[in-house]
Amino acid sequence: MSKSRTKLPRTCVGRRLEALHAALGRAHALKPGEWPERPPRTAGEPYPVALMERLRAECARCAAELGIDPAVLANRGELISVARIRPRDAEGLASAGPLMRWQAELLEPRFRRILRGGR
């Protein structure tokens, strides 16, 4: 009988794969009493729908200008997280989504006005 293995994304190579192995090693070394608390579920919790829709529309405008699919910049789940957290800068935006640095740097100037309550 063969062991079933979880497949990793194709992009999980090099430094990402090394970081994953290091994190797994640290986690494996923890005793059960040292395990972190499980975060509360957020699925199904209300979120600011109108704000998320404004962020989605701005993301779509940016993607159209770049000639790419809007989901490449930020998917629905990432936009919901951004709407809930309302980050103040690109670094906060990167961790709120979580978005990659290039996504956050493209979107932060466009999202700034929306996140601060402007139209």
PDB file of N, CA and C in Angstrom:
ATOM      1  N   MET A   1       0.850  -1.172   0.000  1.00  0.00           N
ATOM      2  CA  MET A   1       0.000   0.000   0.000  1.00  0.00           C
ATOM      3  C   MET A   1       0.898   1.238   0.000  1.00  0.00           C
ATOM      4  N   SER A   2       0.562   2.219  -0.848  1.00  0.00           N
ATOM      5  CA  SER A   2       1.376   3.431  -0.922  1.00  0.00           C
ATOM      6  C   SER A   2       0.769   4.527  -0.057  1.00  0.00           C
ATOM      7  N   LYS A   3       1.658   5.379   0.425  1.00  0.00           N
ATOM      8  CA  LYS A   3       1.196   6.513   1.234  1.00  0.00           C
ATOM      9  C   LYS A   3       0.598   7.565   0.317  1.00  0.00           C
ATOM     10  N   SER A   4      -0.492   8.157   0.745  1.00  0.00           N
ATOM     11  CA  SER A   4      -1.092   9.263   0.011  1.00  0.00           C
ATOM     12  C   SER A   4      -0.372  10.543   0.416  1.00  0.00           C
ATOM     13  N   ARG A   5       0.008  11.345  -0.536  1.00  0.00           N
ATOM     14  CA  ARG A   5       0.712  12.582  -0.244  1.00  0.00           C
ATOM     15  C   ARG A   5      -0.093  13.764  -0.762  1.00  0.00           C
ATOM     16  N   THR A   6      -0.095  14.819   0.010  1.00  0.00           N
ATOM     17  CA  THR A   6      -0.736  16.048  -0.418  1.00  0.00           C
ATOM     18  C   THR A   6       0.135  16.684  -1.479  1.00  0.00           C
ATOM     19  N   LYS A   7      -0.477  17.118  -2.560  1.00  0.00           N
ATOM     20  CA  LYS A   7       0.282  17.763  -3.619  1.00  0.00           C
ATOM     21  C   LYS A   7       0.436  19.244  -3.298  1.00  0.00           C
ATOM     22  N   LEU A   8       1.620  19.750  -3.510  1.00  0.00           N
ATOM     23  CA  LEU A   8       1.897  21.165  -3.313  1.00  0.00           C
ATOM     24  C   LEU A   8       1.719  21.894  -4.633  1.00  0.00           C
ATOM     25  N   PRO A   9       1.433  23.190  -4.580  1.00  0.00           N
ATOM     26  CA  PRO A   9       1.351  23.962  -5.822  1.00  0.00           C
ATOM     27  C   PRO A   9       2.693  23.941  -6.553  1.00  0.00           C
ATOM     28  N   ARG A  10       2.646  24.070  -7.861  1.00  0.00           N
ATOM     29  CA  ARG A  10       3.872  24.100  -8.661  1.00  0.00           C
ATOM     30  C   ARG A  10       4.802  25.211  -8.218  1.00  0.00           C
ATOM     31  N   THR A  11       4.254  26.274  -7.661  1.00  0.00           N
ATOM     32  CA  THR A  11       5.077  27.427  -7.267  1.00  0.00           C
ATOM     33  C   THR A  11       5.776  27.222  -5.931  1.00  0.00           C
ATOM     34  N   CYS A  12       5.522  26.105  -5.268  1.00  0.00           N
ATOM     35  CA  CYS A  12       6.155  25.841  -3.973  1.00  0.00           C
ATOM     36  C   CYS A  12       7.498  25.152  -4.218  1.00  0.00           C
ATOM     37  N   VAL A  13       8.473  25.950  -4.623  1.00  0.00           N
ATOM     38  CA  VAL A  13       9.821  25.469  -4.916  1.00  0.00           C
ATOM     39  C   VAL A  13      10.826  26.449  -4.325  1.00  0.00           C
ATOM     40  N   GLY A  14      12.078  26.065  -4.316  1.00  0.00           N
ATOM     41  CA  GLY A  14      13.135  26.965  -3.875  1.00  0.00           C
ATOM     42  C   GLY A  14      12.929  27.446  -2.455  1.00  0.00           C
ATOM     43  N   ARG A  15      12.996  28.780  -2.281  1.00  0.00           N
ATOM     44  CA  ARG A  15      12.871  29.376  -0.934  1.00  0.00           C
ATOM     45  C   ARG A  15      11.530  29.077  -0.293  1.00  0.00           C
ATOM     46  N   ARG A  16      10.465  29.049  -1.092  1.00  0.00           N
ATOM     47  CA  ARG A  16       9.144  28.748  -0.527  1.00  0.00           C
ATOM     48  C   ARG A  16       9.114  27.337   0.046  1.00  0.00           C
ATOM     49  N   LEU A  17       9.655  26.379  -0.697  1.00  0.00           N
ATOM     50  CA  LEU A  17       9.670  25.000  -0.226  1.00  0.00           C
ATOM     51  C   LEU A  17      10.562  24.869   1.005  1.00  0.00           C
ATOM     52  N   GLU A  18      11.709  25.542   1.000  1.00  0.00           N
ATOM     53  CA  GLU A  18      12.605  25.519   2.160  1.00  0.00           C
ATOM     54  C   GLU A  18      11.903  26.106   3.383  1.00  0.00           C
ATOM     55  N   ALA A  19      11.185  27.219   3.194  1.00  0.00           N
ATOM     56  CA  ALA A  19      10.466  27.848   4.304  1.00  0.00           C
ATOM     57  C   ALA A  19       9.368  26.920   4.826  1.00  0.00           C
ATOM     58  N   LEU A  20       8.687  26.216   3.921  1.00  0.00           N
ATOM     59  CA  LEU A  20       7.648  25.274   4.333  1.00  0.00           C
ATOM     60  C   LEU A  20       8.262  24.143   5.157  1.00  0.00           C
ATOM     61  N   HIS A  21       9.370  23.581   4.679  1.00  0.00           N
ATOM     62  CA  HIS A  21      10.032  22.505   5.425  1.00  0.00           C
ATOM     63  C   HIS A  21      10.489  22.994   6.803  1.00  0.00           C
ATOM     64  N   ALA A  22      11.032  24.202   6.867  1.00  0.00           N
ATOM     65  CA  ALA A  22      11.479  24.755   8.147  1.00  0.00           C
ATOM     66  C   ALA A  22      10.289  24.928   9.099  1.00  0.00           C
ATOM     67  N   ALA A  23       9.174  25.456   8.590  1.00  0.00           N
ATOM     68  CA  ALA A  23       7.981  25.647   9.423  1.00  0.00           C
ATOM     69  C   ALA A  23       7.435  24.305   9.907  1.00  0.00           C
ATOM     70  N   LEU A  24       7.433  23.322   9.040  1.00  0.00           N
ATOM     71  CA  LEU A  24       6.958  21.995   9.442  1.00  0.00           C
ATOM     72  C   LEU A  24       7.867  21.392  10.506  1.00  0.00           C
ATOM     73  N   GLY A  25       9.174  21.619  10.366  1.00  0.00           N
ATOM     74  CA  GLY A  25      10.114  21.126  11.378  1.00  0.00           C
ATOM     75  C   GLY A  25       9.880  21.768  12.730  1.00  0.00           C
ATOM     76  N   ARG A  26       9.648  23.104  12.724  1.00  0.00           N
ATOM     77  CA  ARG A  26       9.374  23.799  13.987  1.00  0.00           C
ATOM     78  C   ARG A  26       8.066  23.299  14.604  1.00  0.00           C
ATOM     79  N   ALA A  27       7.053  23.104  13.773  1.00  0.00           N
ATOM     80  CA  ALA A  27       5.759  22.640  14.270  1.00  0.00           C
ATOM     81  C   ALA A  27       5.872  21.225  14.828  1.00  0.00           C
ATOM     82  N   HIS A  28       6.617  20.384  14.147  1.00  0.00           N
ATOM     83  CA  HIS A  28       6.773  18.994  14.591  1.00  0.00           C
ATOM     84  C   HIS A  28       7.483  18.922  15.953  1.00  0.00           C
ATOM     85  N   ALA A  29       8.356  19.881  16.229  1.00  0.00           N
ATOM     86  CA  ALA A  29       9.116  19.890  17.480  1.00  0.00           C
ATOM     87  C   ALA A  29       8.287  20.366  18.676  1.00  0.00           C
ATOM     88  N   LEU A  30       7.130  20.964  18.435  1.00  0.00           N
ATOM     89  CA  LEU A  30       6.300  21.473  19.527  1.00  0.00           C
ATOM     90  C   LEU A  30       5.584  20.341  20.259  1.00  0.00           C
ATOM     91  N   LYS A  31       5.467  20.506  21.564  1.00  0.00           N
ATOM     92  CA  LYS A  31       4.672  19.586  22.371  1.00  0.00           C
ATOM     93  C   LYS A  31       3.217  20.037  22.275  1.00  0.00           C
ATOM     94  N   PRO A  32       2.249  19.131  22.443  1.00  0.00           N
ATOM     95  CA  PRO A  32       0.840  19.520  22.315  1.00  0.00           C
ATOM     96  C   PRO A  32       0.443  20.744  23.146  1.00  0.00           C
ATOM     97  N   GLY A  33       1.015  20.924  24.333  1.00  0.00           N
ATOM     98  CA  GLY A  33       0.687  22.076  25.160  1.00  0.00           C
ATOM     99  C   GLY A  33       1.206  23.393  24.586  1.00  0.00           C
ATOM    100  N   GLU A  34       2.135  23.320  23.626  1.00  0.00           N
ATOM    101  CA  GLU A  34       2.711  24.516  23.004  1.00  0.00           C
ATOM    102  C   GLU A  34       2.014  24.878  21.696  1.00  0.00           C
ATOM    103  N   TRP A  35       1.074  24.044  21.271  1.00  0.00           N
ATOM    104  CA  TRP A  35       0.392  24.304  20.013  1.00  0.00           C
ATOM    105  C   TRP A  35      -0.406  25.604  20.119  1.00  0.00           C
ATOM    106  N   PRO A  36      -0.461  26.378  19.048  1.00  0.00           N
ATOM    107  CA  PRO A  36      -1.241  27.628  19.099  1.00  0.00           C
ATOM    108  C   PRO A  36      -2.733  27.337  19.163  1.00  0.00           C
ATOM    109  N   GLU A  37      -3.459  28.291  19.701  1.00  0.00           N
ATOM    110  CA  GLU A  37      -4.920  28.169  19.737  1.00  0.00           C
ATOM    111  C   GLU A  37      -5.442  28.227  18.305  1.00  0.00           C
ATOM    112  N   ARG A  38      -6.479  27.486  18.067  1.00  0.00           N
ATOM    113  CA  ARG A  38      -7.105  27.520  16.748  1.00  0.00           C
ATOM    114  C   ARG A  38      -7.844  28.848  16.598  1.00  0.00           C
ATOM    115  N   PRO A  39      -7.606  29.570  15.486  1.00  0.00           N
ATOM    116  CA  PRO A  39      -8.297  30.849  15.324  1.00  0.00           C
ATOM    117  C   PRO A  39      -9.800  30.631  15.134  1.00  0.00           C
ATOM    118  N   PRO A  40     -10.596  31.585  15.560  1.00  0.00           N
ATOM    119  CA  PRO A  40     -12.041  31.434  15.389  1.00  0.00           C
ATOM    120  C   PRO A  40     -12.404  31.433  13.910  1.00  0.00           C
ATOM    121  N   ARG A  41     -13.426  30.693  13.583  1.00  0.00           N
ATOM    122  CA  ARG A  41     -13.890  30.648  12.183  1.00  0.00           C
ATOM    123  C   ARG A  41     -14.449  32.002  11.791  1.00  0.00           C
ATOM    124  N   THR A  42     -14.143  32.408  10.570  1.00  0.00           N
ATOM    125  CA  THR A  42     -14.704  33.659  10.071  1.00  0.00           C
ATOM    126  C   THR A  42     -15.698  33.402   8.949  1.00  0.00           C
ATOM    127  N   ALA A  43     -15.746  32.169   8.453  1.00  0.00           N
ATOM    128  CA  ALA A  43     -16.672  31.863   7.366  1.00  0.00           C
ATOM    129  C   ALA A  43     -18.100  32.119   7.830  1.00  0.00           C
ATOM    130  N   GLY A  44     -18.830  32.800   7.015  1.00  0.00           N
ATOM    131  CA  GLY A  44     -20.209  33.078   7.325  1.00  0.00           C
ATOM    132  C   GLY A  44     -20.428  34.321   8.172  1.00  0.00           C
ATOM    133  N   GLU A  45     -19.331  34.885   8.693  1.00  0.00           N
ATOM    134  CA  GLU A  45     -19.479  36.108   9.466  1.00  0.00           C
ATOM    135  C   GLU A  45     -19.772  37.255   8.509  1.00  0.00           C
ATOM    136  N   PRO A  46     -20.533  38.227   8.960  1.00  0.00           N
ATOM    137  CA  PRO A  46     -20.831  39.358   8.088  1.00  0.00           C
ATOM    138  C   PRO A  46     -19.571  40.155   7.779  1.00  0.00           C
ATOM    139  N   TYR A  47     -19.575  40.767   6.636  1.00  0.00           N
ATOM    140  CA  TYR A  47     -18.475  41.641   6.245  1.00  0.00           C
ATOM    141  C   TYR A  47     -19.075  42.842   5.539  1.00  0.00           C
ATOM    142  N   PRO A  48     -18.303  43.922   5.437  1.00  0.00           N
ATOM    143  CA  PRO A  48     -18.835  45.124   4.797  1.00  0.00           C
ATOM    144  C   PRO A  48     -18.974  44.921   3.282  1.00  0.00           C
ATOM    145  N   VAL A  49     -20.151  44.482   2.868  1.00  0.00           N
ATOM    146  CA  VAL A  49     -20.401  44.122   1.475  1.00  0.00           C
ATOM    147  C   VAL A  49     -20.174  45.315   0.547  1.00  0.00           C
ATOM    148  N   ALA A  50     -20.700  46.478   0.899  1.00  0.00           N
ATOM    149  CA  ALA A  50     -20.565  47.646   0.021  1.00  0.00           C
ATOM    150  C   ALA A  50     -19.092  48.022  -0.166  1.00  0.00           C
ATOM    151  N   LEU A  51     -18.322  47.965   0.913  1.00  0.00           N
ATOM    152  CA  LEU A  51     -16.899  48.269   0.821  1.00  0.00           C
ATOM    153  C   LEU A  51     -16.197  47.242  -0.057  1.00  0.00           C
ATOM    154  N   MET A  52     -16.490  45.969   0.135  1.00  0.00           N
ATOM    155  CA  MET A  52     -15.875  44.929  -0.683  1.00  0.00           C
ATOM    156  C   MET A  52     -16.223  45.120  -2.151  1.00  0.00           C
ATOM    157  N   GLU A  53     -17.434  45.507  -2.447  1.00  0.00           N
ATOM    158  CA  GLU A  53     -17.836  45.735  -3.842  1.00  0.00           C
ATOM    159  C   GLU A  53     -17.081  46.917  -4.457  1.00  0.00           C
ATOM    160  N   ARG A  54     -16.852  47.980  -3.675  1.00  0.00           N
ATOM    161  CA  ARG A  54     -16.059  49.106  -4.195  1.00  0.00           C
ATOM    162  C   ARG A  54     -14.616  48.668  -4.445  1.00  0.00           C
ATOM    163  N   LEU A  55     -14.060  47.865  -3.547  1.00  0.00           N
ATOM    164  CA  LEU A  55     -12.703  47.341  -3.749  1.00  0.00           C
ATOM    165  C   LEU A  55     -12.653  46.439  -4.976  1.00  0.00           C
ATOM    166  N   ARG A  56     -13.683  45.602  -5.144  1.00  0.00           N
ATOM    167  CA  ARG A  56     -13.738  44.705  -6.296  1.00  0.00           C
ATOM    168  C   ARG A  56     -13.787  45.489  -7.601  1.00  0.00           C
ATOM    169  N   ALA A  57     -14.589  46.539  -7.631  1.00  0.00           N
ATOM    170  CA  ALA A  57     -14.697  47.361  -8.843  1.00  0.00           C
ATOM    171  C   ALA A  57     -13.367  48.048  -9.158  1.00  0.00           C
ATOM    172  N   GLU A  58     -12.691  48.548  -8.139  1.00  0.00           N
ATOM    173  CA  GLU A  58     -11.390  49.203  -8.353  1.00  0.00           C
ATOM    174  C   GLU A  58     -10.352  48.189  -8.807  1.00  0.00           C
ATOM    175  N   CYS A  59     -10.399  47.001  -8.252  1.00  0.00           N
ATOM    176  CA  CYS A  59      -9.499  45.924  -8.661  1.00  0.00           C
ATOM    177  C   CYS A  59      -9.753  45.576 -10.134  1.00  0.00           C
ATOM    178  N   ALA A  60     -11.010  45.511 -10.523  1.00  0.00           N
ATOM    179  CA  ALA A  60     -11.360  45.204 -11.914  1.00  0.00           C
ATOM    180  C   ALA A  60     -10.866  46.294 -12.863  1.00  0.00           C
ATOM    181  N   ARG A  61     -10.972  47.560 -12.446  1.00  0.00           N
ATOM    182  CA  ARG A  61     -10.460  48.664 -13.285  1.00  0.00           C
ATOM    183  C   ARG A  61      -8.951  48.539 -13.473  1.00  0.00           C
ATOM    184  N   CYS A  62      -8.246  48.274 -12.388  1.00  0.00           N
ATOM    185  CA  CYS A  62      -6.791  48.130 -12.446  1.00  0.00           C
ATOM    186  C   CYS A  62      -6.411  46.947 -13.341  1.00  0.00           C
ATOM    187  N   ALA A  63      -7.096  45.838 -13.181  1.00  0.00           N
ATOM    188  CA  ALA A  63      -6.810  44.649 -13.985  1.00  0.00           C
ATOM    189  C   ALA A  63      -7.069  44.919 -15.469  1.00  0.00           C
ATOM    190  N   ALA A  64      -8.149  45.641 -15.772  1.00  0.00           N
ATOM    191  CA  ALA A  64      -8.455  45.966 -17.170  1.00  0.00           C
ATOM    192  C   ALA A  64      -7.336  46.816 -17.778  1.00  0.00           C
ATOM    193  N   GLU A  65      -6.826  47.780 -17.009  1.00  0.00           N
ATOM    194  CA  GLU A  65      -5.722  48.613 -17.494  1.00  0.00           C
ATOM    195  C   GLU A  65      -4.473  47.784 -17.779  1.00  0.00           C
ATOM    196  N   LEU A  66      -4.270  46.736 -16.974  1.00  0.00           N
ATOM    197  CA  LEU A  66      -3.102  45.871 -17.132  1.00  0.00           C
ATOM    198  C   LEU A  66      -3.335  44.738 -18.120  1.00  0.00           C
ATOM    199  N   GLY A  67      -4.594  44.534 -18.508  1.00  0.00           N
ATOM    200  CA  GLY A  67      -4.926  43.468 -19.445  1.00  0.00           C
ATOM    201  C   GLY A  67      -4.859  42.083 -18.820  1.00  0.00           C
ATOM    202  N   ILE A  68      -5.212  41.994 -17.522  1.00  0.00           N
ATOM    203  CA  ILE A  68      -5.194  40.705 -16.829  1.00  0.00           C
ATOM    204  C   ILE A  68      -6.538  40.460 -16.155  1.00  0.00           C
ATOM    205  N   ASP A  69      -6.748  39.239 -15.740  1.00  0.00           N
ATOM    206  CA  ASP A  69      -7.975  38.871 -15.038  1.00  0.00           C
ATOM    207  C   ASP A  69      -7.955  39.502 -13.644  1.00  0.00           C
ATOM    208  N   PRO A  70      -9.056  40.091 -13.190  1.00  0.00           N
ATOM    209  CA  PRO A  70      -9.083  40.708 -11.864  1.00  0.00           C
ATOM    210  C   PRO A  70      -8.713  39.757 -10.733  1.00  0.00           C
ATOM    211  N   ALA A  71      -9.026  38.469 -10.861  1.00  0.00           N
ATOM    212  CA  ALA A  71      -8.707  37.503  -9.813  1.00  0.00           C
ATOM    213  C   ALA A  71      -7.201  37.313  -9.645  1.00  0.00           C
ATOM    214  N   VAL A  72      -6.427  37.687 -10.653  1.00  0.00           N
ATOM    215  CA  VAL A  72      -4.970  37.618 -10.528  1.00  0.00           C
ATOM    216  C   VAL A  72      -4.499  38.667  -9.518  1.00  0.00           C
ATOM    217  N   LEU A  73      -5.168  39.814  -9.500  1.00  0.00           N
ATOM    218  CA  LEU A  73      -4.816  40.871  -8.551  1.00  0.00           C
ATOM    219  C   LEU A  73      -5.334  40.568  -7.156  1.00  0.00           C
ATOM    220  N   ALA A  74      -6.563  40.158  -7.056  1.00  0.00           N
ATOM    221  CA  ALA A  74      -7.146  39.825  -5.749  1.00  0.00           C
ATOM    222  C   ALA A  74      -8.434  39.049  -5.984  1.00  0.00           C
ATOM    223  N   ASN A  75      -8.540  37.898  -5.342  1.00  0.00           N
ATOM    224  CA  ASN A  75      -9.770  37.125  -5.484  1.00  0.00           C
ATOM    225  C   ASN A  75     -10.809  37.602  -4.460  1.00  0.00           C
ATOM    226  N   ARG A  76     -11.995  37.059  -4.529  1.00  0.00           N
ATOM    227  CA  ARG A  76     -13.096  37.504  -3.674  1.00  0.00           C
ATOM    228  C   ARG A  76     -12.749  37.364  -2.187  1.00  0.00           C
ATOM    229  N   GLY A  77     -12.186  36.237  -1.809  1.00  0.00           N
ATOM    230  CA  GLY A  77     -11.825  36.019  -0.409  1.00  0.00           C
ATOM    231  C   GLY A  77     -10.814  37.035   0.091  1.00  0.00           C
ATOM    232  N   GLU A  78      -9.841  37.357  -0.753  1.00  0.00           N
ATOM    233  CA  GLU A  78      -8.835  38.359  -0.379  1.00  0.00           C
ATOM    234  C   GLU A  78      -9.476  39.733  -0.222  1.00  0.00           C
ATOM    235  N   LEU A  79     -10.396  40.066  -1.126  1.00  0.00           N
ATOM    236  CA  LEU A  79     -11.074  41.367  -1.033  1.00  0.00           C
ATOM    237  C   LEU A  79     -11.952  41.442   0.217  1.00  0.00           C
ATOM    238  N   ILE A  80     -12.588  40.342   0.580  1.00  0.00           N
ATOM    239  CA  ILE A  80     -13.385  40.316   1.811  1.00  0.00           C
ATOM    240  C   ILE A  80     -12.485  40.550   3.015  1.00  0.00           C
ATOM    241  N   SER A  81     -11.324  39.897   3.045  1.00  0.00           N
ATOM    242  CA  SER A  81     -10.375  40.101   4.147  1.00  0.00           C
ATOM    243  C   SER A  81      -9.930  41.549   4.225  1.00  0.00           C
ATOM    244  N   VAL A  82      -9.631  42.141   3.087  1.00  0.00           N
ATOM    245  CA  VAL A  82      -9.207  43.545   3.055  1.00  0.00           C
ATOM    246  C   VAL A  82     -10.335  44.437   3.570  1.00  0.00           C
ATOM    247  N   ALA A  83     -11.566  44.164   3.158  1.00  0.00           N
ATOM    248  CA  ALA A  83     -12.711  44.960   3.609  1.00  0.00           C
ATOM    249  C   ALA A  83     -12.908  44.844   5.119  1.00  0.00           C
ATOM    250  N   ARG A  84     -12.680  43.657   5.669  1.00  0.00           N
ATOM    251  CA  ARG A  84     -12.839  43.468   7.116  1.00  0.00           C
ATOM    252  C   ARG A  84     -11.738  44.176   7.895  1.00  0.00           C
ATOM    253  N   ILE A  85     -10.503  44.042   7.428  1.00  0.00           N
ATOM    254  CA  ILE A  85      -9.350  44.535   8.186  1.00  0.00           C
ATOM    255  C   ILE A  85      -9.074  46.016   7.956  1.00  0.00           C
ATOM    256  N   ARG A  86      -9.350  46.504   6.758  1.00  0.00           N
ATOM    257  CA  ARG A  86      -9.108  47.902   6.382  1.00  0.00           C
ATOM    258  C   ARG A  86      -7.664  48.341   6.657  1.00  0.00           C
ATOM    259  N   PRO A  87      -6.706  47.708   5.985  1.00  0.00           N
ATOM    260  CA  PRO A  87      -5.292  48.049   6.216  1.00  0.00           C
ATOM    261  C   PRO A  87      -4.969  49.476   5.796  1.00  0.00           C
ATOM    262  N   ARG A  88      -3.917  50.043   6.387  1.00  0.00           N
ATOM    263  CA  ARG A  88      -3.536  51.434   6.156  1.00  0.00           C
ATOM    264  C   ARG A  88      -2.419  51.617   5.138  1.00  0.00           C
ATOM    265  N   ASP A  89      -1.680  50.541   4.798  1.00  0.00           N
ATOM    266  CA  ASP A  89      -0.550  50.685   3.877  1.00  0.00           C
ATOM    267  C   ASP A  89      -0.364  49.396   3.085  1.00  0.00           C
ATOM    268  N   ALA A  90       0.618  49.394   2.177  1.00  0.00           N
ATOM    269  CA  ALA A  90       0.853  48.228   1.320  1.00  0.00           C
ATOM    270  C   ALA A  90       1.233  47.005   2.138  1.00  0.00           C
ATOM    271  N   GLU A  91       2.012  47.199   3.197  1.00  0.00           N
ATOM    272  CA  GLU A  91       2.410  46.069   4.041  1.00  0.00           C
ATOM    273  C   GLU A  91       1.189  45.457   4.720  1.00  0.00           C
ATOM    274  N   GLY A  92       0.328  46.314   5.240  1.00  0.00           N
ATOM    275  CA  GLY A  92      -0.902  45.828   5.860  1.00  0.00           C
ATOM    276  C   GLY A  92      -1.810  45.155   4.847  1.00  0.00           C
ATOM    277  N   LEU A  93      -1.848  45.709   3.643  1.00  0.00           N
ATOM    278  CA  LEU A  93      -2.650  45.125   2.578  1.00  0.00           C
ATOM    279  C   LEU A  93      -2.116  43.751   2.202  1.00  0.00           C
ATOM    280  N   ALA A  94      -0.795  43.617   2.156  1.00  0.00           N
ATOM    281  CA  ALA A  94      -0.188  42.333   1.811  1.00  0.00           C
ATOM    282  C   ALA A  94      -0.557  41.267   2.834  1.00  0.00           C
ATOM    283  N   SER A  95      -0.565  41.631   4.108  1.00  0.00           N
ATOM    284  CA  SER A  95      -0.883  40.640   5.135  1.00  0.00           C
ATOM    285  C   SER A  95      -2.384  40.470   5.325  1.00  0.00           C
ATOM    286  N   ALA A  96      -3.181  41.454   4.959  1.00  0.00           N
ATOM    287  CA  ALA A  96      -4.629  41.370   5.142  1.00  0.00           C
ATOM    288  C   ALA A  96      -5.277  40.410   4.166  1.00  0.00           C
ATOM    289  N   GLY A  97      -4.762  40.333   2.963  1.00  0.00           N
ATOM    290  CA  GLY A  97      -5.379  39.566   1.903  1.00  0.00           C
ATOM    291  C   GLY A  97      -5.387  38.064   2.092  1.00  0.00           C
ATOM    292  N   PRO A  98      -4.331  37.382   2.295  1.00  0.00           N
ATOM    293  CA  PRO A  98      -2.987  37.919   2.103  1.00  0.00           C
ATOM    294  C   PRO A  98      -2.676  38.048   0.619  1.00  0.00           C
ATOM    295  N   LEU A  99      -2.080  39.143   0.259  1.00  0.00           N
ATOM    296  CA  LEU A  99      -1.687  39.389  -1.124  1.00  0.00           C
ATOM    297  C   LEU A  99      -0.181  39.322  -1.238  1.00  0.00           C
ATOM    298  N   MET A 100       0.293  39.044  -2.420  1.00  0.00           N
ATOM    299  CA  MET A 100       1.730  39.092  -2.667  1.00  0.00           C
ATOM    300  C   MET A 100       2.142  40.562  -2.712  1.00  0.00           C
ATOM    301  N   ARG A 101       3.400  40.825  -2.469  1.00  0.00           N
ATOM    302  CA  ARG A 101       3.907  42.193  -2.407  1.00  0.00           C
ATOM    303  C   ARG A 101       3.537  42.983  -3.672  1.00  0.00           C
ATOM    304  N   TRP A 102       3.712  42.396  -4.859  1.00  0.00           N
ATOM    305  CA  TRP A 102       3.433  43.128  -6.100  1.00  0.00           C
ATOM    306  C   TRP A 102       1.952  43.468  -6.214  1.00  0.00           C
ATOM    307  N   GLN A 103       1.082  42.584  -5.737  1.00  0.00           N
ATOM    308  CA  GLN A 103      -0.356  42.858  -5.770  1.00  0.00           C
ATOM    309  C   GLN A 103      -0.684  44.023  -4.834  1.00  0.00           C
ATOM    310  N   ALA A 104      -0.125  43.963  -3.627  1.00  0.00           N
ATOM    311  CA  ALA A 104      -0.384  45.017  -2.642  1.00  0.00           C
ATOM    312  C   ALA A 104       0.130  46.358  -3.132  1.00  0.00           C
ATOM    313  N   GLU A 105       1.307  46.371  -3.756  1.00  0.00           N
ATOM    314  CA  GLU A 105       1.869  47.638  -4.234  1.00  0.00           C
ATOM    315  C   GLU A 105       1.053  48.215  -5.387  1.00  0.00           C
ATOM    316  N   LEU A 106       0.467  47.366  -6.209  1.00  0.00           N
ATOM    317  CA  LEU A 106      -0.404  47.859  -7.288  1.00  0.00           C
ATOM    318  C   LEU A 106      -1.733  48.376  -6.752  1.00  0.00           C
ATOM    319  N   LEU A 107      -2.290  47.671  -5.785  1.00  0.00           N
ATOM    320  CA  LEU A 107      -3.637  47.997  -5.327  1.00  0.00           C
ATOM    321  C   LEU A 107      -3.686  49.043  -4.219  1.00  0.00           C
ATOM    322  N   GLU A 108      -2.673  49.127  -3.386  1.00  0.00           N
ATOM    323  CA  GLU A 108      -2.732  50.030  -2.224  1.00  0.00           C
ATOM    324  C   GLU A 108      -3.037  51.473  -2.605  1.00  0.00           C
ATOM    325  N   PRO A 109      -2.352  52.077  -3.597  1.00  0.00           N
ATOM    326  CA  PRO A 109      -2.695  53.465  -3.914  1.00  0.00           C
ATOM    327  C   PRO A 109      -4.141  53.615  -4.380  1.00  0.00           C
ATOM    328  N   ARG A 110      -4.671  52.602  -5.027  1.00  0.00           N
ATOM    329  CA  ARG A 110      -6.037  52.654  -5.539  1.00  0.00           C
ATOM    330  C   ARG A 110      -7.053  52.384  -4.436  1.00  0.00           C
ATOM    331  N   PHE A 111      -6.684  51.540  -3.472  1.00  0.00           N
ATOM    332  CA  PHE A 111      -7.594  51.193  -2.386  1.00  0.00           C
ATOM    333  C   PHE A 111      -7.560  52.212  -1.253  1.00  0.00           C
ATOM    334  N   ARG A 112      -6.497  52.989  -1.154  1.00  0.00           N
ATOM    335  CA  ARG A 112      -6.295  53.900  -0.013  1.00  0.00           C
ATOM    336  C   ARG A 112      -7.514  54.783   0.230  1.00  0.00           C
ATOM    337  N   ARG A 113      -7.981  55.470  -0.802  1.00  0.00           N
ATOM    338  CA  ARG A 113      -9.123  56.388  -0.680  1.00  0.00           C
ATOM    339  C   ARG A 113     -10.390  55.631  -0.269  1.00  0.00           C
ATOM    340  N   ILE A 114     -10.600  54.455  -0.855  1.00  0.00           N
ATOM    341  CA  ILE A 114     -11.783  53.665  -0.539  1.00  0.00           C
ATOM    342  C   ILE A 114     -11.751  53.196   0.916  1.00  0.00           C
ATOM    343  N   LEU A 115     -10.585  52.710   1.361  1.00  0.00           N
ATOM    344  CA  LEU A 115     -10.467  52.182   2.713  1.00  0.00           C
ATOM    345  C   LEU A 115     -10.566  53.268   3.779  1.00  0.00           C
ATOM    346  N   ARG A 116     -10.284  54.496   3.401  1.00  0.00           N
ATOM    347  CA  ARG A 116     -10.389  55.594   4.362  1.00  0.00           C
ATOM    348  C   ARG A 116     -11.746  56.263   4.323  1.00  0.00           C
ATOM    349  N   GLY A 117     -12.684  55.631   3.630  1.00  0.00           N
ATOM    350  CA  GLY A 117     -14.064  56.103   3.643  1.00  0.00           C
ATOM    351  C   GLY A 117     -14.461  56.983   2.488  1.00  0.00           C
ATOM    352  N   GLY A 118     -13.583  57.213   1.523  1.00  0.00           N
ATOM    353  CA  GLY A 118     -13.923  58.027   0.358  1.00  0.00           C
ATOM    354  C   GLY A 118     -14.597  57.220  -0.720  1.00  0.00           C
ATOM    355  N   ARG A 119     -15.083  57.891  -1.701  1.00  0.00           N
ATOM    356  CA  ARG A 119     -15.747  57.213  -2.820  1.00  0.00           C
ATOM    357  C   ARG A 119     -14.811  57.057  -3.935  1.00  0.00           C
TER     358      ARG A 119
END
